[in-house]
Amino acid sequence: MAEFGQMLKNIRKEKAISQRKLGELAGIDFTYISKIENGTQAPPSEETIRKIAEVLNVDAHKLILTANKIPSDYQESILKNKDVEALHVFFEKIQDPGRVNPKMWQKIIEVLNGSDEQLG
């Protein structure tokens, strides 16, 4: 919860936008933004996070994930994937944070960012 608020605060300050201005542009009360940034309020809904991301011109997916939420379009993509075995293995492996170390995550990222030719 505090991680999202801190990230929001850092981005907002980097963009030189006040809480009041962000609230005005995103259509939410600036006191709500203050509570989120201070960690006294849980992260907002996906819809609100998307509005904030649009105003701040940042990747909404990263903000949503930092709020410990799965973006709805990611959920849809997962559910559309018909390779149940691949999904099952992936989610089984990542259930336990100790099973996938940082080096393995880096390799996964490299493979996913690779070209189609590399994927075979």
C-alpha atoms as a PDB file:
ATOM      1  CA  MET A   1       0.000   0.000   0.000  1.00  0.00           C
ATOM      2  CA  ALA A   2       2.721   2.488   0.978  1.00  0.00           C
ATOM      3  CA  GLU A   3       4.810   1.460  -2.043  1.00  0.00           C
ATOM      4  CA  PHE A   4       2.098   2.649  -4.433  1.00  0.00           C
ATOM      5  CA  GLY A   5       1.680   5.928  -2.574  1.00  0.00           C
ATOM      6  CA  GLN A   6       5.407   6.591  -2.574  1.00  0.00           C
ATOM      7  CA  MET A   7       5.671   5.786  -6.269  1.00  0.00           C
ATOM      8  CA  LEU A   8       2.755   8.104  -7.045  1.00  0.00           C
ATOM      9  CA  LYS A   9       4.310  10.889  -4.989  1.00  0.00           C
ATOM     10  CA  ASN A  10       7.706  10.480  -6.701  1.00  0.00           C
ATOM     11  CA  ILE A  11       6.185  10.534 -10.184  1.00  0.00           C
ATOM     12  CA  ARG A  12       3.946  13.486  -9.374  1.00  0.00           C
ATOM     13  CA  LYS A  13       6.878  15.503  -8.006  1.00  0.00           C
ATOM     14  CA  GLU A  14       9.076  14.505 -10.954  1.00  0.00           C
ATOM     15  CA  LYS A  15       6.363  15.849 -13.267  1.00  0.00           C
ATOM     16  CA  ALA A  16       6.068  19.002 -11.113  1.00  0.00           C
ATOM     17  CA  ILE A  17       2.318  18.576 -10.604  1.00  0.00           C
ATOM     18  CA  SER A  18       0.702  19.452  -7.290  1.00  0.00           C
ATOM     19  CA  GLN A  19      -1.755  17.130  -5.585  1.00  0.00           C
ATOM     20  CA  ARG A  20      -4.457  19.727  -6.213  1.00  0.00           C
ATOM     21  CA  LYS A  21      -3.671  19.927  -9.958  1.00  0.00           C
ATOM     22  CA  LEU A  22      -3.470  16.132 -10.309  1.00  0.00           C
ATOM     23  CA  GLY A  23      -6.803  15.784  -8.571  1.00  0.00           C
ATOM     24  CA  GLU A  24      -8.371  18.421 -10.783  1.00  0.00           C
ATOM     25  CA  LEU A  25      -7.076  16.853 -13.999  1.00  0.00           C
ATOM     26  CA  ALA A  26      -7.926  13.280 -12.948  1.00  0.00           C
ATOM     27  CA  GLY A  27     -11.341  14.212 -11.567  1.00  0.00           C
ATOM     28  CA  ILE A  28     -10.634  13.155  -7.980  1.00  0.00           C
ATOM     29  CA  ASP A  29     -10.319  15.024  -4.705  1.00  0.00           C
ATOM     30  CA  PHE A  30      -6.761  16.148  -3.931  1.00  0.00           C
ATOM     31  CA  THR A  31      -7.163  15.102  -0.294  1.00  0.00           C
ATOM     32  CA  TYR A  32      -7.696  11.545  -1.540  1.00  0.00           C
ATOM     33  CA  ILE A  33      -4.367  11.768  -3.381  1.00  0.00           C
ATOM     34  CA  SER A  34      -2.716  13.042  -0.209  1.00  0.00           C
ATOM     35  CA  LYS A  35      -4.056  10.091   1.789  1.00  0.00           C
ATOM     36  CA  ILE A  36      -2.845   7.625  -0.859  1.00  0.00           C
ATOM     37  CA  GLU A  37       0.615   9.163  -0.937  1.00  0.00           C
ATOM     38  CA  ASN A  38       0.847   9.163   2.844  1.00  0.00           C
ATOM     39  CA  GLY A  39      -0.175   5.518   3.026  1.00  0.00           C
ATOM     40  CA  THR A  40      -3.334   6.146   5.041  1.00  0.00           C
ATOM     41  CA  GLN A  41      -5.564   5.191   2.111  1.00  0.00           C
ATOM     42  CA  ALA A  42      -5.393   1.996   0.079  1.00  0.00           C
ATOM     43  CA  PRO A  43      -4.586   2.352  -3.618  1.00  0.00           C
ATOM     44  CA  PRO A  44      -7.586   3.408  -5.698  1.00  0.00           C
ATOM     45  CA  SER A  45      -9.514   1.362  -8.242  1.00  0.00           C
ATOM     46  CA  GLU A  46      -7.981   0.403 -11.559  1.00  0.00           C
ATOM     47  CA  GLU A  47     -10.156   2.995 -13.283  1.00  0.00           C
ATOM     48  CA  THR A  48      -8.857   5.782 -11.025  1.00  0.00           C
ATOM     49  CA  ILE A  49      -5.263   4.604 -11.413  1.00  0.00           C
ATOM     50  CA  ARG A  50      -5.696   4.725 -15.193  1.00  0.00           C
ATOM     51  CA  LYS A  51      -6.951   8.340 -14.961  1.00  0.00           C
ATOM     52  CA  ILE A  52      -3.970   9.283 -12.792  1.00  0.00           C
ATOM     53  CA  ALA A  53      -1.558   7.543 -15.181  1.00  0.00           C
ATOM     54  CA  GLU A  54      -3.051   9.392 -18.137  1.00  0.00           C
ATOM     55  CA  VAL A  55      -2.618  12.767 -16.428  1.00  0.00           C
ATOM     56  CA  LEU A  56       0.957  11.918 -15.404  1.00  0.00           C
ATOM     57  CA  ASN A  57       1.703  10.380 -18.825  1.00  0.00           C
ATOM     58  CA  VAL A  58       3.053   7.133 -17.325  1.00  0.00           C
ATOM     59  CA  ASP A  59       2.408   3.443 -17.932  1.00  0.00           C
ATOM     60  CA  ALA A  60      -0.891   2.595 -16.225  1.00  0.00           C
ATOM     61  CA  HIS A  61       0.017  -1.100 -16.072  1.00  0.00           C
ATOM     62  CA  LYS A  62       3.055  -0.432 -13.882  1.00  0.00           C
ATOM     63  CA  LEU A  63       1.018   1.738 -11.521  1.00  0.00           C
ATOM     64  CA  ILE A  64      -1.744  -0.863 -11.318  1.00  0.00           C
ATOM     65  CA  LEU A  65       0.748  -3.650 -10.621  1.00  0.00           C
ATOM     66  CA  THR A  66       2.466  -1.530  -7.961  1.00  0.00           C
ATOM     67  CA  ALA A  67      -0.961  -1.219  -6.323  1.00  0.00           C
ATOM     68  CA  ASN A  68      -0.967  -5.050  -6.055  1.00  0.00           C
ATOM     69  CA  LYS A  69      -3.678  -5.368  -8.671  1.00  0.00           C
ATOM     70  CA  ILE A  70      -3.709  -7.245 -11.974  1.00  0.00           C
ATOM     71  CA  PRO A  71      -4.757  -4.988 -14.857  1.00  0.00           C
ATOM     72  CA  SER A  72      -8.052  -6.176 -16.335  1.00  0.00           C
ATOM     73  CA  ASP A  73      -6.605  -6.409 -19.845  1.00  0.00           C
ATOM     74  CA  TYR A  74      -3.824  -8.661 -18.492  1.00  0.00           C
ATOM     75  CA  GLN A  75      -6.479 -10.850 -16.865  1.00  0.00           C
ATOM     76  CA  GLU A  76      -8.328 -11.074 -20.190  1.00  0.00           C
ATOM     77  CA  SER A  77      -5.121 -12.064 -22.007  1.00  0.00           C
ATOM     78  CA  ILE A  78      -4.408 -14.777 -19.452  1.00  0.00           C
ATOM     79  CA  LEU A  79      -7.915 -16.160 -19.734  1.00  0.00           C
ATOM     80  CA  LYS A  80      -7.773 -16.156 -23.549  1.00  0.00           C
ATOM     81  CA  ASN A  81      -4.574 -18.203 -23.534  1.00  0.00           C
ATOM     82  CA  LYS A  82      -5.534 -21.769 -24.347  1.00  0.00           C
ATOM     83  CA  ASP A  83      -2.199 -23.299 -23.317  1.00  0.00           C
ATOM     84  CA  VAL A  84      -3.456 -24.339 -19.911  1.00  0.00           C
ATOM     85  CA  GLU A  85      -0.356 -26.424 -19.196  1.00  0.00           C
ATOM     86  CA  ALA A  86       2.000 -23.469 -19.774  1.00  0.00           C
ATOM     87  CA  LEU A  87      -0.124 -21.206 -17.591  1.00  0.00           C
ATOM     88  CA  HIS A  88      -0.347 -23.849 -14.894  1.00  0.00           C
ATOM     89  CA  VAL A  89       3.428 -24.403 -14.802  1.00  0.00           C
ATOM     90  CA  PHE A  90       4.142 -20.677 -14.802  1.00  0.00           C
ATOM     91  CA  PHE A  91       1.738 -19.874 -11.968  1.00  0.00           C
ATOM     92  CA  GLU A  92       2.797 -22.926  -9.954  1.00  0.00           C
ATOM     93  CA  LYS A  93       6.421 -21.811 -10.164  1.00  0.00           C
ATOM     94  CA  ILE A  94       5.776 -18.207  -9.170  1.00  0.00           C
ATOM     95  CA  GLN A  95       3.502 -19.081  -6.233  1.00  0.00           C
ATOM     96  CA  ASP A  96       6.559 -19.437  -4.016  1.00  0.00           C
ATOM     97  CA  PRO A  97       8.742 -16.325  -4.305  1.00  0.00           C
ATOM     98  CA  GLY A  98      11.842 -18.387  -3.455  1.00  0.00           C
ATOM     99  CA  ARG A  99      11.423 -20.653  -6.483  1.00  0.00           C
ATOM    100  CA  VAL A 100      12.069 -17.946  -9.063  1.00  0.00           C
ATOM    101  CA  ASN A 101      15.190 -15.968  -8.248  1.00  0.00           C
ATOM    102  CA  PRO A 102      16.101 -12.579  -9.772  1.00  0.00           C
ATOM    103  CA  LYS A 103      18.360 -14.223 -12.380  1.00  0.00           C
ATOM    104  CA  MET A 104      15.470 -16.425 -13.540  1.00  0.00           C
ATOM    105  CA  TRP A 105      13.132 -13.411 -13.752  1.00  0.00           C
ATOM    106  CA  GLN A 106      15.737 -11.600 -15.841  1.00  0.00           C
ATOM    107  CA  LYS A 107      15.937 -14.575 -18.207  1.00  0.00           C
ATOM    108  CA  ILE A 108      12.130 -14.672 -18.499  1.00  0.00           C
ATOM    109  CA  ILE A 109      12.123 -10.964 -19.354  1.00  0.00           C
ATOM    110  CA  GLU A 110      14.863 -11.482 -21.948  1.00  0.00           C
ATOM    111  CA  VAL A 111      12.960 -14.322 -23.596  1.00  0.00           C
ATOM    112  CA  LEU A 112       9.686 -12.383 -23.618  1.00  0.00           C
ATOM    113  CA  ASN A 113      11.376  -9.272 -25.015  1.00  0.00           C
ATOM    114  CA  GLY A 114      13.155 -11.325 -27.692  1.00  0.00           C
ATOM    115  CA  SER A 115      12.118 -11.522 -31.292  1.00  0.00           C
ATOM    116  CA  ASP A 116       9.768 -14.193 -32.593  1.00  0.00           C
ATOM    117  CA  GLU A 117      12.743 -15.855 -34.327  1.00  0.00           C
ATOM    118  CA  GLN A 118      14.469 -16.313 -30.963  1.00  0.00           C
ATOM    119  CA  LEU A 119      11.380 -17.932 -29.515  1.00  0.00           C
ATOM    120  CA  GLY A 120      11.548 -20.585 -32.166  1.00  0.00           C
END
